Amino acid sequence: MPESNTESPAESPLDGAREARFLSTLAGRRLVAIVRGRDAGAALRTVLTLVEEGVELVEVSLVTAGALEVLRRARAALGEAAELGAGTVLSAADADAAAETGASYLVTPAVSASVARGRSLGLPVLAGAFTPTEVVAALGAGAAAVKLFPASLGGERYLRALRDPFPEVAFVPVGGVDAAAAAGYLRAGAVAVGVGSPLVGDAADGGSLTELRARVRAFRDVL
């Protein structure tokens, strides 16, 4: 059999301080903005605008047009001013490509080889999971936090139920999270929320950045 290219969390080079810093930013800022779009230039402008408005955790989904170049150019423009992550990271190859752009964390929709690979690259991973079994698998693969996805299927009650057996897990609900839902998830014990279209709207497709700024301020008031 071919030798596996993944390693256990105990053998991982991910620095404990780096992971702690990521988790601290999650807990302190409470919002991950998710950028997906059909226009690479608009997606880049969206990322930069979000950071200008004080959003310190921005995820660029790899389904975005020119996503890797958007990440690379955003990192060059921002330096270390923000936690800039790659989302929809499905494979070890995706994790490698994202790391090369300067992404500082990875987000996955499910537990896959990308979780362990990201950790082996020294990057914290926000790993997608929904059931208790998947939560355990995500933690076993080395996830720093768990992206509860799709959160809208269970809502606040489901998050509260999950937190009973997993009180120390940093849960980040994603999927159908508007401002009102965000407030509810945080009351239910989420460390942060991940928000896509209710926050970003059509900005990454070329829509108004002025309206984007207004939505960011509205979410910040709630959070």
N, C-alpha and C. Protein backbone atom coordinates (compact mmCIF):
# COMPACT_ATOMS: atom_id res chain seq x y z
N MET A 1 0.84 -1.19 0.00
CA MET A 1 0.00 0.00 0.00
C MET A 1 0.88 1.25 0.00
N PRO A 2 0.45 2.33 -0.70
CA PRO A 2 1.25 3.56 -0.68
C PRO A 2 1.24 4.18 0.70
N GLU A 3 2.35 4.78 1.03
CA GLU A 3 2.46 5.42 2.34
C GLU A 3 1.58 6.66 2.39
N SER A 4 0.85 6.84 3.50
CA SER A 4 -0.02 8.00 3.65
C SER A 4 0.79 9.27 3.76
N ASN A 5 0.26 10.39 3.19
CA ASN A 5 0.96 11.67 3.30
C ASN A 5 0.36 12.54 4.39
N THR A 6 -0.48 11.93 5.25
CA THR A 6 -1.01 12.66 6.39
C THR A 6 -0.33 12.19 7.65
N GLU A 7 -0.48 12.97 8.71
CA GLU A 7 0.12 12.61 9.98
C GLU A 7 -0.82 12.95 11.10
N SER A 8 -0.63 12.35 12.26
CA SER A 8 -1.51 12.60 13.38
C SER A 8 -1.26 13.98 13.93
N PRO A 9 -2.29 14.57 14.63
CA PRO A 9 -2.09 15.89 15.21
C PRO A 9 -0.86 15.96 16.12
N ALA A 10 -0.56 14.88 16.83
CA ALA A 10 0.59 14.89 17.73
C ALA A 10 1.90 15.05 16.99
N GLU A 11 1.93 14.61 15.70
CA GLU A 11 3.15 14.70 14.91
C GLU A 11 3.19 15.96 14.04
N SER A 12 2.12 16.76 14.12
CA SER A 12 1.98 17.88 13.22
C SER A 12 2.90 19.04 13.58
N PRO A 13 3.36 19.78 12.54
CA PRO A 13 4.19 20.95 12.80
C PRO A 13 3.39 22.19 13.17
N LEU A 14 2.04 22.11 13.19
CA LEU A 14 1.27 23.30 13.55
C LEU A 14 1.67 23.77 14.93
N ASP A 15 2.12 25.00 15.01
CA ASP A 15 2.57 25.58 16.26
C ASP A 15 1.38 25.86 17.18
N GLY A 16 1.50 25.46 18.45
CA GLY A 16 0.42 25.67 19.39
C GLY A 16 0.06 27.12 19.56
N ALA A 17 1.04 27.99 19.53
CA ALA A 17 0.77 29.42 19.66
C ALA A 17 0.00 29.94 18.45
N ARG A 18 0.32 29.40 17.27
CA ARG A 18 -0.39 29.82 16.05
C ARG A 18 -1.86 29.42 16.13
N GLU A 19 -2.11 28.21 16.58
CA GLU A 19 -3.49 27.75 16.72
C GLU A 19 -4.23 28.57 17.77
N ALA A 20 -3.55 28.84 18.89
CA ALA A 20 -4.17 29.63 19.95
C ALA A 20 -4.51 31.04 19.47
N ARG A 21 -3.65 31.62 18.64
CA ARG A 21 -3.90 32.96 18.11
C ARG A 21 -5.12 32.96 17.19
N PHE A 22 -5.23 31.93 16.37
CA PHE A 22 -6.39 31.81 15.48
C PHE A 22 -7.68 31.70 16.30
N LEU A 23 -7.67 30.83 17.31
CA LEU A 23 -8.86 30.65 18.14
C LEU A 23 -9.19 31.91 18.92
N SER A 24 -8.17 32.63 19.35
CA SER A 24 -8.40 33.88 20.06
C SER A 24 -9.04 34.92 19.16
N THR A 25 -8.60 34.97 17.91
CA THR A 25 -9.20 35.92 16.96
C THR A 25 -10.65 35.54 16.68
N LEU A 26 -10.91 34.25 16.52
CA LEU A 26 -12.29 33.79 16.34
C LEU A 26 -13.17 34.25 17.49
N ALA A 27 -12.71 34.00 18.70
CA ALA A 27 -13.50 34.32 19.89
C ALA A 27 -13.64 35.83 20.08
N GLY A 28 -12.62 36.57 19.70
CA GLY A 28 -12.65 38.01 19.90
C GLY A 28 -13.45 38.76 18.86
N ARG A 29 -13.36 38.32 17.60
CA ARG A 29 -14.04 39.03 16.51
C ARG A 29 -15.41 38.45 16.19
N ARG A 30 -15.57 37.13 16.37
CA ARG A 30 -16.86 36.44 16.30
C ARG A 30 -17.48 36.37 14.92
N LEU A 31 -16.74 36.75 13.89
CA LEU A 31 -17.29 36.75 12.54
C LEU A 31 -16.25 36.33 11.52
N VAL A 32 -16.63 35.35 10.68
CA VAL A 32 -15.82 34.98 9.52
C VAL A 32 -16.64 35.36 8.29
N ALA A 33 -16.13 36.27 7.49
CA ALA A 33 -16.81 36.67 6.26
C ALA A 33 -16.40 35.73 5.13
N ILE A 34 -17.37 35.19 4.42
CA ILE A 34 -17.12 34.21 3.37
C ILE A 34 -17.35 34.84 2.01
N VAL A 35 -16.30 34.91 1.21
CA VAL A 35 -16.36 35.55 -0.10
C VAL A 35 -16.41 34.49 -1.19
N ARG A 36 -17.46 34.54 -2.00
CA ARG A 36 -17.59 33.70 -3.19
C ARG A 36 -18.06 34.60 -4.32
N GLY A 37 -17.50 34.45 -5.50
CA GLY A 37 -17.95 35.31 -6.58
C GLY A 37 -17.48 34.86 -7.94
N ARG A 38 -18.07 35.48 -8.96
CA ARG A 38 -17.75 35.14 -10.36
C ARG A 38 -16.75 36.11 -10.98
N ASP A 39 -16.36 37.15 -10.23
CA ASP A 39 -15.48 38.19 -10.75
C ASP A 39 -14.27 38.31 -9.83
N ALA A 40 -13.10 37.90 -10.32
CA ALA A 40 -11.91 37.89 -9.47
C ALA A 40 -11.57 39.29 -8.95
N GLY A 41 -11.65 40.29 -9.83
CA GLY A 41 -11.35 41.65 -9.41
C GLY A 41 -12.29 42.14 -8.34
N ALA A 42 -13.59 41.87 -8.51
CA ALA A 42 -14.59 42.27 -7.53
C ALA A 42 -14.38 41.51 -6.21
N ALA A 43 -14.02 40.23 -6.32
CA ALA A 43 -13.76 39.45 -5.10
C ALA A 43 -12.59 40.04 -4.31
N LEU A 44 -11.54 40.45 -5.01
CA LEU A 44 -10.40 41.06 -4.33
C LEU A 44 -10.81 42.37 -3.67
N ARG A 45 -11.56 43.21 -4.37
CA ARG A 45 -12.02 44.46 -3.77
C ARG A 45 -12.91 44.20 -2.56
N THR A 46 -13.69 43.14 -2.62
CA THR A 46 -14.55 42.77 -1.50
C THR A 46 -13.72 42.40 -0.28
N VAL A 47 -12.70 41.58 -0.48
CA VAL A 47 -11.83 41.19 0.62
C VAL A 47 -11.20 42.43 1.27
N LEU A 48 -10.65 43.31 0.46
CA LEU A 48 -9.98 44.49 0.98
C LEU A 48 -10.95 45.42 1.71
N THR A 49 -12.16 45.53 1.19
CA THR A 49 -13.17 46.37 1.84
C THR A 49 -13.58 45.79 3.19
N LEU A 50 -13.78 44.48 3.24
CA LEU A 50 -14.13 43.83 4.51
C LEU A 50 -13.08 44.11 5.58
N VAL A 51 -11.82 43.98 5.20
CA VAL A 51 -10.74 44.22 6.17
C VAL A 51 -10.70 45.70 6.57
N GLU A 52 -10.91 46.59 5.61
CA GLU A 52 -10.96 48.02 5.93
C GLU A 52 -12.05 48.32 6.95
N GLU A 53 -13.14 47.56 6.87
CA GLU A 53 -14.27 47.77 7.79
C GLU A 53 -14.10 47.02 9.11
N GLY A 54 -12.93 46.43 9.32
CA GLY A 54 -12.64 45.81 10.61
C GLY A 54 -12.93 44.33 10.72
N VAL A 55 -13.25 43.67 9.60
CA VAL A 55 -13.46 42.22 9.62
C VAL A 55 -12.09 41.56 9.53
N GLU A 56 -11.66 40.93 10.60
CA GLU A 56 -10.30 40.40 10.66
C GLU A 56 -10.17 38.97 10.17
N LEU A 57 -11.29 38.28 9.97
CA LEU A 57 -11.27 36.91 9.47
C LEU A 57 -12.07 36.87 8.17
N VAL A 58 -11.38 36.69 7.07
CA VAL A 58 -12.03 36.62 5.76
C VAL A 58 -11.64 35.31 5.09
N GLU A 59 -12.63 34.61 4.59
CA GLU A 59 -12.41 33.35 3.86
C GLU A 59 -12.74 33.56 2.40
N VAL A 60 -11.84 33.19 1.52
CA VAL A 60 -12.10 33.21 0.07
C VAL A 60 -12.32 31.77 -0.38
N SER A 61 -13.54 31.46 -0.77
CA SER A 61 -13.84 30.10 -1.22
C SER A 61 -13.10 29.80 -2.52
N LEU A 62 -12.60 28.59 -2.63
CA LEU A 62 -11.88 28.19 -3.84
C LEU A 62 -12.81 28.04 -5.05
N VAL A 63 -14.12 28.15 -4.85
CA VAL A 63 -15.03 28.15 -6.00
C VAL A 63 -15.10 29.54 -6.63
N THR A 64 -14.51 30.54 -6.01
CA THR A 64 -14.47 31.90 -6.55
C THR A 64 -13.59 31.94 -7.80
N ALA A 65 -13.99 32.71 -8.79
CA ALA A 65 -13.18 32.87 -9.99
C ALA A 65 -11.79 33.39 -9.62
N GLY A 66 -10.75 32.67 -10.08
CA GLY A 66 -9.39 33.10 -9.79
C GLY A 66 -9.05 33.15 -8.31
N ALA A 67 -9.62 32.23 -7.54
CA ALA A 67 -9.51 32.29 -6.08
C ALA A 67 -8.07 32.34 -5.58
N LEU A 68 -7.21 31.53 -6.15
CA LEU A 68 -5.83 31.50 -5.66
C LEU A 68 -5.12 32.83 -5.91
N GLU A 69 -5.39 33.43 -7.06
CA GLU A 69 -4.78 34.73 -7.34
C GLU A 69 -5.39 35.82 -6.45
N VAL A 70 -6.68 35.71 -6.17
CA VAL A 70 -7.31 36.65 -5.24
C VAL A 70 -6.64 36.56 -3.87
N LEU A 71 -6.43 35.35 -3.39
CA LEU A 71 -5.76 35.16 -2.11
C LEU A 71 -4.34 35.73 -2.14
N ARG A 72 -3.62 35.42 -3.20
CA ARG A 72 -2.23 35.88 -3.31
C ARG A 72 -2.15 37.41 -3.32
N ARG A 73 -3.02 38.04 -4.10
CA ARG A 73 -2.99 39.50 -4.20
C ARG A 73 -3.49 40.16 -2.91
N ALA A 74 -4.48 39.55 -2.28
CA ALA A 74 -4.98 40.10 -1.01
C ALA A 74 -3.90 40.03 0.06
N ARG A 75 -3.17 38.92 0.11
CA ARG A 75 -2.10 38.80 1.11
C ARG A 75 -1.00 39.83 0.84
N ALA A 76 -0.67 40.04 -0.42
CA ALA A 76 0.35 41.02 -0.76
C ALA A 76 -0.10 42.42 -0.34
N ALA A 77 -1.37 42.72 -0.50
CA ALA A 77 -1.88 44.05 -0.17
C ALA A 77 -2.03 44.25 1.33
N LEU A 78 -2.42 43.18 2.04
CA LEU A 78 -2.74 43.30 3.46
C LEU A 78 -1.57 43.02 4.38
N GLY A 79 -0.56 42.33 3.91
CA GLY A 79 0.50 41.89 4.80
C GLY A 79 -0.10 40.96 5.85
N GLU A 80 0.21 41.24 7.11
CA GLU A 80 -0.32 40.40 8.20
C GLU A 80 -1.50 41.06 8.91
N ALA A 81 -2.18 41.96 8.20
CA ALA A 81 -3.24 42.75 8.83
C ALA A 81 -4.52 41.95 9.10
N ALA A 82 -4.65 40.77 8.52
CA ALA A 82 -5.88 39.99 8.70
C ALA A 82 -5.59 38.51 8.63
N GLU A 83 -6.50 37.73 9.23
CA GLU A 83 -6.49 36.28 9.05
C GLU A 83 -7.21 36.01 7.72
N LEU A 84 -6.46 35.64 6.72
CA LEU A 84 -7.00 35.44 5.38
C LEU A 84 -7.00 33.95 5.09
N GLY A 85 -8.19 33.38 4.95
CA GLY A 85 -8.29 31.94 4.79
C GLY A 85 -8.76 31.50 3.43
N ALA A 86 -8.50 30.26 3.10
CA ALA A 86 -9.01 29.62 1.89
C ALA A 86 -10.14 28.70 2.29
N GLY A 87 -11.28 28.80 1.59
CA GLY A 87 -12.42 27.96 1.90
C GLY A 87 -12.72 26.96 0.81
N THR A 88 -13.64 26.03 1.12
CA THR A 88 -13.99 24.93 0.22
C THR A 88 -12.73 24.15 -0.16
N VAL A 89 -11.90 23.89 0.82
CA VAL A 89 -10.66 23.14 0.62
C VAL A 89 -11.00 21.66 0.77
N LEU A 90 -11.02 20.94 -0.35
CA LEU A 90 -11.53 19.58 -0.37
C LEU A 90 -10.45 18.51 -0.34
N SER A 91 -9.26 18.83 -0.79
CA SER A 91 -8.22 17.81 -0.96
C SER A 91 -6.88 18.29 -0.41
N ALA A 92 -5.95 17.35 -0.31
CA ALA A 92 -4.60 17.72 0.09
C ALA A 92 -3.98 18.68 -0.93
N ALA A 93 -4.28 18.46 -2.21
CA ALA A 93 -3.75 19.35 -3.25
C ALA A 93 -4.31 20.77 -3.10
N ASP A 94 -5.59 20.87 -2.74
CA ASP A 94 -6.18 22.19 -2.48
C ASP A 94 -5.46 22.87 -1.32
N ALA A 95 -5.18 22.11 -0.27
CA ALA A 95 -4.49 22.67 0.89
C ALA A 95 -3.10 23.17 0.50
N ASP A 96 -2.39 22.40 -0.29
CA ASP A 96 -1.05 22.82 -0.74
C ASP A 96 -1.13 24.12 -1.54
N ALA A 97 -2.09 24.18 -2.47
CA ALA A 97 -2.22 25.36 -3.32
C ALA A 97 -2.58 26.59 -2.49
N ALA A 98 -3.47 26.43 -1.52
CA ALA A 98 -3.87 27.55 -0.67
C ALA A 98 -2.71 28.04 0.18
N ALA A 99 -1.94 27.12 0.71
CA ALA A 99 -0.79 27.50 1.54
C ALA A 99 0.21 28.33 0.76
N GLU A 100 0.38 28.01 -0.51
CA GLU A 100 1.34 28.73 -1.34
C GLU A 100 0.93 30.18 -1.60
N THR A 101 -0.36 30.49 -1.43
CA THR A 101 -0.82 31.86 -1.66
C THR A 101 -0.61 32.76 -0.45
N GLY A 102 -0.29 32.15 0.70
CA GLY A 102 -0.16 32.93 1.91
C GLY A 102 -1.38 32.86 2.81
N ALA A 103 -2.33 31.96 2.50
CA ALA A 103 -3.49 31.78 3.37
C ALA A 103 -3.01 31.42 4.78
N SER A 104 -3.67 31.97 5.78
CA SER A 104 -3.25 31.72 7.16
C SER A 104 -4.10 30.68 7.87
N TYR A 105 -5.20 30.26 7.24
CA TYR A 105 -6.00 29.15 7.77
C TYR A 105 -6.80 28.56 6.63
N LEU A 106 -7.34 27.36 6.85
CA LEU A 106 -8.13 26.67 5.84
C LEU A 106 -9.51 26.37 6.40
N VAL A 107 -10.49 26.32 5.49
CA VAL A 107 -11.86 25.96 5.87
C VAL A 107 -12.33 24.86 4.94
N THR A 108 -12.88 23.80 5.49
CA THR A 108 -13.36 22.69 4.69
C THR A 108 -14.87 22.52 4.89
N PRO A 109 -15.58 21.99 3.90
CA PRO A 109 -17.00 21.72 4.09
C PRO A 109 -17.28 20.39 4.77
N ALA A 110 -16.25 19.56 4.89
CA ALA A 110 -16.41 18.22 5.45
C ALA A 110 -15.05 17.72 5.94
N VAL A 111 -15.07 16.59 6.61
CA VAL A 111 -13.82 15.98 7.06
C VAL A 111 -13.22 15.21 5.88
N SER A 112 -12.07 15.67 5.43
CA SER A 112 -11.40 15.04 4.29
C SER A 112 -9.90 15.09 4.52
N ALA A 113 -9.13 14.63 3.53
CA ALA A 113 -7.68 14.64 3.66
C ALA A 113 -7.13 16.04 3.82
N SER A 114 -7.90 17.03 3.43
CA SER A 114 -7.44 18.42 3.54
C SER A 114 -7.24 18.86 4.97
N VAL A 115 -7.94 18.25 5.92
CA VAL A 115 -7.83 18.66 7.32
C VAL A 115 -6.43 18.33 7.86
N ALA A 116 -6.06 17.07 7.76
CA ALA A 116 -4.73 16.67 8.24
C ALA A 116 -3.62 17.32 7.43
N ARG A 117 -3.85 17.49 6.13
CA ARG A 117 -2.82 18.10 5.30
C ARG A 117 -2.61 19.56 5.69
N GLY A 118 -3.69 20.27 5.94
CA GLY A 118 -3.56 21.66 6.37
C GLY A 118 -2.77 21.77 7.66
N ARG A 119 -3.08 20.90 8.60
CA ARG A 119 -2.35 20.93 9.87
C ARG A 119 -0.88 20.61 9.65
N SER A 120 -0.59 19.67 8.76
CA SER A 120 0.81 19.31 8.51
C SER A 120 1.57 20.46 7.86
N LEU A 121 0.83 21.37 7.21
CA LEU A 121 1.44 22.56 6.61
C LEU A 121 1.59 23.70 7.61
N GLY A 122 1.13 23.48 8.83
CA GLY A 122 1.23 24.51 9.86
C GLY A 122 0.08 25.48 9.88
N LEU A 123 -1.05 25.10 9.26
CA LEU A 123 -2.20 26.00 9.18
C LEU A 123 -3.36 25.48 10.04
N PRO A 124 -3.96 26.34 10.86
CA PRO A 124 -5.19 25.94 11.56
C PRO A 124 -6.29 25.64 10.56
N VAL A 125 -7.11 24.65 10.89
CA VAL A 125 -8.19 24.26 9.99
C VAL A 125 -9.53 24.35 10.71
N LEU A 126 -10.47 25.03 10.07
CA LEU A 126 -11.87 25.08 10.50
C LEU A 126 -12.59 24.03 9.65
N ALA A 127 -12.84 22.87 10.25
CA ALA A 127 -13.30 21.71 9.48
C ALA A 127 -14.81 21.55 9.58
N GLY A 128 -15.43 21.31 8.43
CA GLY A 128 -16.87 21.14 8.39
C GLY A 128 -17.31 19.81 8.98
N ALA A 129 -18.37 19.86 9.80
CA ALA A 129 -18.95 18.66 10.40
C ALA A 129 -20.39 18.98 10.80
N PHE A 130 -21.21 17.95 10.89
CA PHE A 130 -22.59 18.17 11.32
C PHE A 130 -23.00 17.23 12.44
N THR A 131 -22.71 15.95 12.29
CA THR A 131 -23.12 14.97 13.30
C THR A 131 -22.05 14.82 14.38
N PRO A 132 -22.42 14.25 15.54
CA PRO A 132 -21.40 13.98 16.57
C PRO A 132 -20.25 13.14 16.04
N THR A 133 -20.54 12.14 15.21
CA THR A 133 -19.47 11.30 14.66
C THR A 133 -18.51 12.14 13.82
N GLU A 134 -19.06 13.05 13.03
CA GLU A 134 -18.22 13.91 12.20
C GLU A 134 -17.41 14.89 13.05
N VAL A 135 -17.98 15.36 14.14
CA VAL A 135 -17.23 16.25 15.05
C VAL A 135 -16.02 15.51 15.60
N VAL A 136 -16.22 14.28 16.04
CA VAL A 136 -15.12 13.48 16.57
C VAL A 136 -14.06 13.25 15.48
N ALA A 137 -14.50 12.97 14.27
CA ALA A 137 -13.56 12.74 13.16
C ALA A 137 -12.77 14.01 12.86
N ALA A 138 -13.42 15.16 12.88
CA ALA A 138 -12.73 16.42 12.61
C ALA A 138 -11.67 16.69 13.66
N LEU A 139 -12.02 16.49 14.92
CA LEU A 139 -11.05 16.70 15.99
C LEU A 139 -9.89 15.72 15.88
N GLY A 140 -10.21 14.47 15.54
CA GLY A 140 -9.17 13.46 15.40
C GLY A 140 -8.21 13.75 14.26
N ALA A 141 -8.72 14.42 13.22
CA ALA A 141 -7.87 14.79 12.08
C ALA A 141 -7.03 16.02 12.36
N GLY A 142 -7.32 16.70 13.47
CA GLY A 142 -6.51 17.85 13.86
C GLY A 142 -7.15 19.21 13.66
N ALA A 143 -8.49 19.26 13.49
CA ALA A 143 -9.16 20.54 13.31
C ALA A 143 -8.98 21.42 14.54
N ALA A 144 -8.73 22.71 14.31
CA ALA A 144 -8.64 23.67 15.41
C ALA A 144 -10.03 24.05 15.91
N ALA A 145 -10.99 24.08 15.00
CA ALA A 145 -12.37 24.43 15.33
C ALA A 145 -13.27 23.68 14.36
N VAL A 146 -14.56 23.62 14.70
CA VAL A 146 -15.51 22.88 13.89
C VAL A 146 -16.52 23.83 13.26
N LYS A 147 -16.59 23.79 11.95
CA LYS A 147 -17.59 24.54 11.18
C LYS A 147 -18.87 23.70 11.18
N LEU A 148 -19.87 24.14 11.92
CA LEU A 148 -21.14 23.41 11.97
C LEU A 148 -21.91 23.74 10.69
N PHE A 149 -21.96 22.75 9.79
CA PHE A 149 -22.49 23.01 8.44
C PHE A 149 -23.27 21.81 7.92
N PRO A 150 -24.46 22.05 7.33
CA PRO A 150 -25.16 23.34 7.25
C PRO A 150 -25.94 23.63 8.53
N ALA A 151 -25.60 24.70 9.18
CA ALA A 151 -26.18 25.02 10.49
C ALA A 151 -27.68 25.21 10.43
N SER A 152 -28.19 25.68 9.32
CA SER A 152 -29.62 25.98 9.21
C SER A 152 -30.49 24.74 9.37
N LEU A 153 -29.94 23.56 9.17
CA LEU A 153 -30.74 22.33 9.32
C LEU A 153 -31.12 22.06 10.77
N GLY A 154 -30.28 22.51 11.71
CA GLY A 154 -30.56 22.23 13.11
C GLY A 154 -30.84 23.47 13.95
N GLY A 155 -30.26 24.58 13.54
CA GLY A 155 -30.48 25.83 14.26
C GLY A 155 -29.86 25.84 15.64
N GLU A 156 -30.31 26.81 16.43
CA GLU A 156 -29.74 27.01 17.77
C GLU A 156 -29.93 25.79 18.67
N ARG A 157 -31.09 25.15 18.58
CA ARG A 157 -31.36 24.01 19.46
C ARG A 157 -30.36 22.88 19.20
N TYR A 158 -30.04 22.66 17.94
CA TYR A 158 -29.09 21.60 17.62
C TYR A 158 -27.70 21.94 18.13
N LEU A 159 -27.30 23.19 17.98
CA LEU A 159 -25.99 23.60 18.51
C LEU A 159 -25.94 23.39 20.01
N ARG A 160 -26.98 23.78 20.73
CA ARG A 160 -27.00 23.58 22.18
C ARG A 160 -26.88 22.10 22.53
N ALA A 161 -27.56 21.25 21.76
CA ALA A 161 -27.48 19.81 22.01
C ALA A 161 -26.07 19.28 21.76
N LEU A 162 -25.40 19.76 20.71
CA LEU A 162 -24.04 19.32 20.43
C LEU A 162 -23.07 19.77 21.52
N ARG A 163 -23.31 20.93 22.07
CA ARG A 163 -22.37 21.45 23.06
C ARG A 163 -22.42 20.67 24.37
N ASP A 164 -23.48 19.93 24.61
CA ASP A 164 -23.53 19.11 25.84
C ASP A 164 -22.40 18.08 25.87
N PRO A 165 -22.21 17.26 24.81
CA PRO A 165 -21.10 16.31 24.83
C PRO A 165 -19.76 16.92 24.42
N PHE A 166 -19.79 18.11 23.80
CA PHE A 166 -18.56 18.74 23.31
C PHE A 166 -18.43 20.17 23.83
N PRO A 167 -18.38 20.36 25.15
CA PRO A 167 -18.39 21.73 25.70
C PRO A 167 -17.14 22.53 25.38
N GLU A 168 -16.03 21.87 25.06
CA GLU A 168 -14.78 22.59 24.82
C GLU A 168 -14.52 22.84 23.34
N VAL A 169 -15.38 22.34 22.47
CA VAL A 169 -15.17 22.51 21.04
C VAL A 169 -15.58 23.92 20.61
N ALA A 170 -14.75 24.55 19.78
CA ALA A 170 -15.06 25.86 19.22
C ALA A 170 -15.93 25.64 17.98
N PHE A 171 -17.22 25.86 18.11
CA PHE A 171 -18.16 25.68 17.00
C PHE A 171 -18.38 27.00 16.28
N VAL A 172 -18.38 26.93 14.94
CA VAL A 172 -18.64 28.09 14.10
C VAL A 172 -19.76 27.73 13.13
N PRO A 173 -21.01 28.07 13.45
CA PRO A 173 -22.12 27.76 12.54
C PRO A 173 -21.99 28.51 11.22
N VAL A 174 -22.26 27.79 10.13
CA VAL A 174 -22.19 28.35 8.78
C VAL A 174 -23.35 27.78 7.97
N GLY A 175 -23.96 28.64 7.16
CA GLY A 175 -25.05 28.19 6.29
C GLY A 175 -26.36 28.80 6.72
N GLY A 176 -26.83 29.80 5.96
CA GLY A 176 -28.09 30.45 6.28
C GLY A 176 -28.03 31.36 7.49
N VAL A 177 -26.87 31.91 7.78
CA VAL A 177 -26.71 32.73 8.98
C VAL A 177 -26.87 34.21 8.62
N ASP A 178 -28.02 34.79 8.97
CA ASP A 178 -28.19 36.22 8.83
C ASP A 178 -27.90 36.88 10.18
N ALA A 179 -28.15 38.18 10.29
CA ALA A 179 -27.78 38.89 11.52
C ALA A 179 -28.54 38.35 12.73
N ALA A 180 -29.83 38.10 12.56
CA ALA A 180 -30.63 37.60 13.69
C ALA A 180 -30.17 36.21 14.10
N ALA A 181 -29.94 35.34 13.13
CA ALA A 181 -29.47 33.99 13.44
C ALA A 181 -28.10 34.04 14.09
N ALA A 182 -27.24 34.95 13.64
CA ALA A 182 -25.91 35.07 14.22
C ALA A 182 -25.99 35.35 15.71
N ALA A 183 -26.84 36.28 16.09
CA ALA A 183 -27.00 36.61 17.50
C ALA A 183 -27.48 35.39 18.29
N GLY A 184 -28.41 34.63 17.71
CA GLY A 184 -28.92 33.45 18.39
C GLY A 184 -27.86 32.37 18.56
N TYR A 185 -27.06 32.13 17.54
CA TYR A 185 -26.01 31.12 17.64
C TYR A 185 -24.98 31.51 18.69
N LEU A 186 -24.65 32.78 18.76
CA LEU A 186 -23.67 33.21 19.76
C LEU A 186 -24.24 33.04 21.17
N ARG A 187 -25.53 33.32 21.35
CA ARG A 187 -26.15 33.08 22.65
C ARG A 187 -26.14 31.59 22.99
N ALA A 188 -26.23 30.75 21.97
CA ALA A 188 -26.26 29.30 22.18
C ALA A 188 -24.87 28.71 22.42
N GLY A 189 -23.83 29.53 22.35
CA GLY A 189 -22.50 29.05 22.67
C GLY A 189 -21.52 28.95 21.53
N ALA A 190 -21.89 29.40 20.32
CA ALA A 190 -20.93 29.41 19.23
C ALA A 190 -19.80 30.38 19.54
N VAL A 191 -18.58 30.02 19.13
CA VAL A 191 -17.45 30.92 19.36
C VAL A 191 -17.46 32.05 18.34
N ALA A 192 -18.02 31.77 17.15
CA ALA A 192 -18.12 32.75 16.07
C ALA A 192 -19.13 32.21 15.08
N VAL A 193 -19.44 33.01 14.06
CA VAL A 193 -20.31 32.56 12.98
C VAL A 193 -19.62 32.84 11.65
N GLY A 194 -19.94 32.02 10.65
CA GLY A 194 -19.44 32.25 9.30
C GLY A 194 -20.59 32.72 8.43
N VAL A 195 -20.40 33.84 7.74
CA VAL A 195 -21.51 34.45 7.00
C VAL A 195 -21.07 34.74 5.57
N GLY A 196 -21.87 34.26 4.62
CA GLY A 196 -21.60 34.51 3.21
C GLY A 196 -22.52 35.56 2.64
N SER A 197 -23.52 35.13 1.88
CA SER A 197 -24.34 36.08 1.13
C SER A 197 -25.11 37.09 1.98
N PRO A 198 -25.59 36.76 3.20
CA PRO A 198 -26.27 37.79 3.98
C PRO A 198 -25.37 38.98 4.31
N LEU A 199 -24.07 38.76 4.32
CA LEU A 199 -23.11 39.84 4.58
C LEU A 199 -22.50 40.37 3.28
N VAL A 200 -21.97 39.49 2.46
CA VAL A 200 -21.23 39.90 1.27
C VAL A 200 -22.16 40.32 0.15
N GLY A 201 -23.36 39.74 0.08
CA GLY A 201 -24.29 40.09 -0.98
C GLY A 201 -23.70 39.81 -2.35
N ASP A 202 -23.86 40.78 -3.27
CA ASP A 202 -23.34 40.60 -4.62
C ASP A 202 -22.03 41.34 -4.84
N ALA A 203 -21.38 41.74 -3.76
CA ALA A 203 -20.15 42.55 -3.91
C ALA A 203 -19.07 41.81 -4.69
N ALA A 204 -18.95 40.50 -4.46
CA ALA A 204 -17.90 39.73 -5.14
C ALA A 204 -18.25 39.42 -6.58
N ASP A 205 -19.46 39.82 -7.01
CA ASP A 205 -19.85 39.71 -8.41
C ASP A 205 -19.85 41.08 -9.09
N GLY A 206 -19.37 42.10 -8.38
CA GLY A 206 -19.34 43.44 -8.94
C GLY A 206 -20.36 44.38 -8.34
N GLY A 207 -21.06 43.96 -7.29
CA GLY A 207 -22.07 44.80 -6.65
C GLY A 207 -21.47 45.93 -5.83
N SER A 208 -22.34 46.71 -5.22
CA SER A 208 -21.95 47.93 -4.52
C SER A 208 -21.10 47.67 -3.28
N LEU A 209 -19.94 48.31 -3.21
CA LEU A 209 -19.11 48.23 -2.02
C LEU A 209 -19.65 49.13 -0.91
N THR A 210 -20.36 50.18 -1.29
CA THR A 210 -21.00 51.04 -0.29
C THR A 210 -22.04 50.25 0.49
N GLU A 211 -22.83 49.46 -0.22
CA GLU A 211 -23.83 48.62 0.45
C GLU A 211 -23.16 47.53 1.29
N LEU A 212 -22.05 47.02 0.78
CA LEU A 212 -21.29 46.04 1.57
C LEU A 212 -20.85 46.65 2.89
N ARG A 213 -20.31 47.85 2.85
CA ARG A 213 -19.87 48.51 4.09
C ARG A 213 -21.03 48.67 5.07
N ALA A 214 -22.21 49.01 4.55
CA ALA A 214 -23.38 49.17 5.42
C ALA A 214 -23.76 47.84 6.07
N ARG A 215 -23.70 46.75 5.30
CA ARG A 215 -24.03 45.44 5.87
C ARG A 215 -23.02 45.03 6.93
N VAL A 216 -21.74 45.30 6.69
CA VAL A 216 -20.72 44.98 7.69
C VAL A 216 -21.02 45.70 8.99
N ARG A 217 -21.37 46.97 8.92
CA ARG A 217 -21.63 47.76 10.13
C ARG A 217 -22.85 47.24 10.87
N ALA A 218 -23.86 46.80 10.10
CA ALA A 218 -25.05 46.23 10.73
C ALA A 218 -24.72 44.94 11.47
N PHE A 219 -23.90 44.09 10.85
CA PHE A 219 -23.50 42.84 11.52
C PHE A 219 -22.65 43.15 12.75
N ARG A 220 -21.77 44.11 12.64
CA ARG A 220 -20.92 44.44 13.79
C ARG A 220 -21.75 44.94 14.96
N ASP A 221 -22.83 45.67 14.69
CA ASP A 221 -23.72 46.12 15.76
C ASP A 221 -24.33 44.95 16.48
N VAL A 222 -24.72 43.91 15.72
CA VAL A 222 -25.35 42.72 16.32
C VAL A 222 -24.31 41.93 17.11
N LEU A 223 -23.10 41.81 16.58
CA LEU A 223 -22.10 40.94 17.20
C LEU A 223 -21.41 41.60 18.38
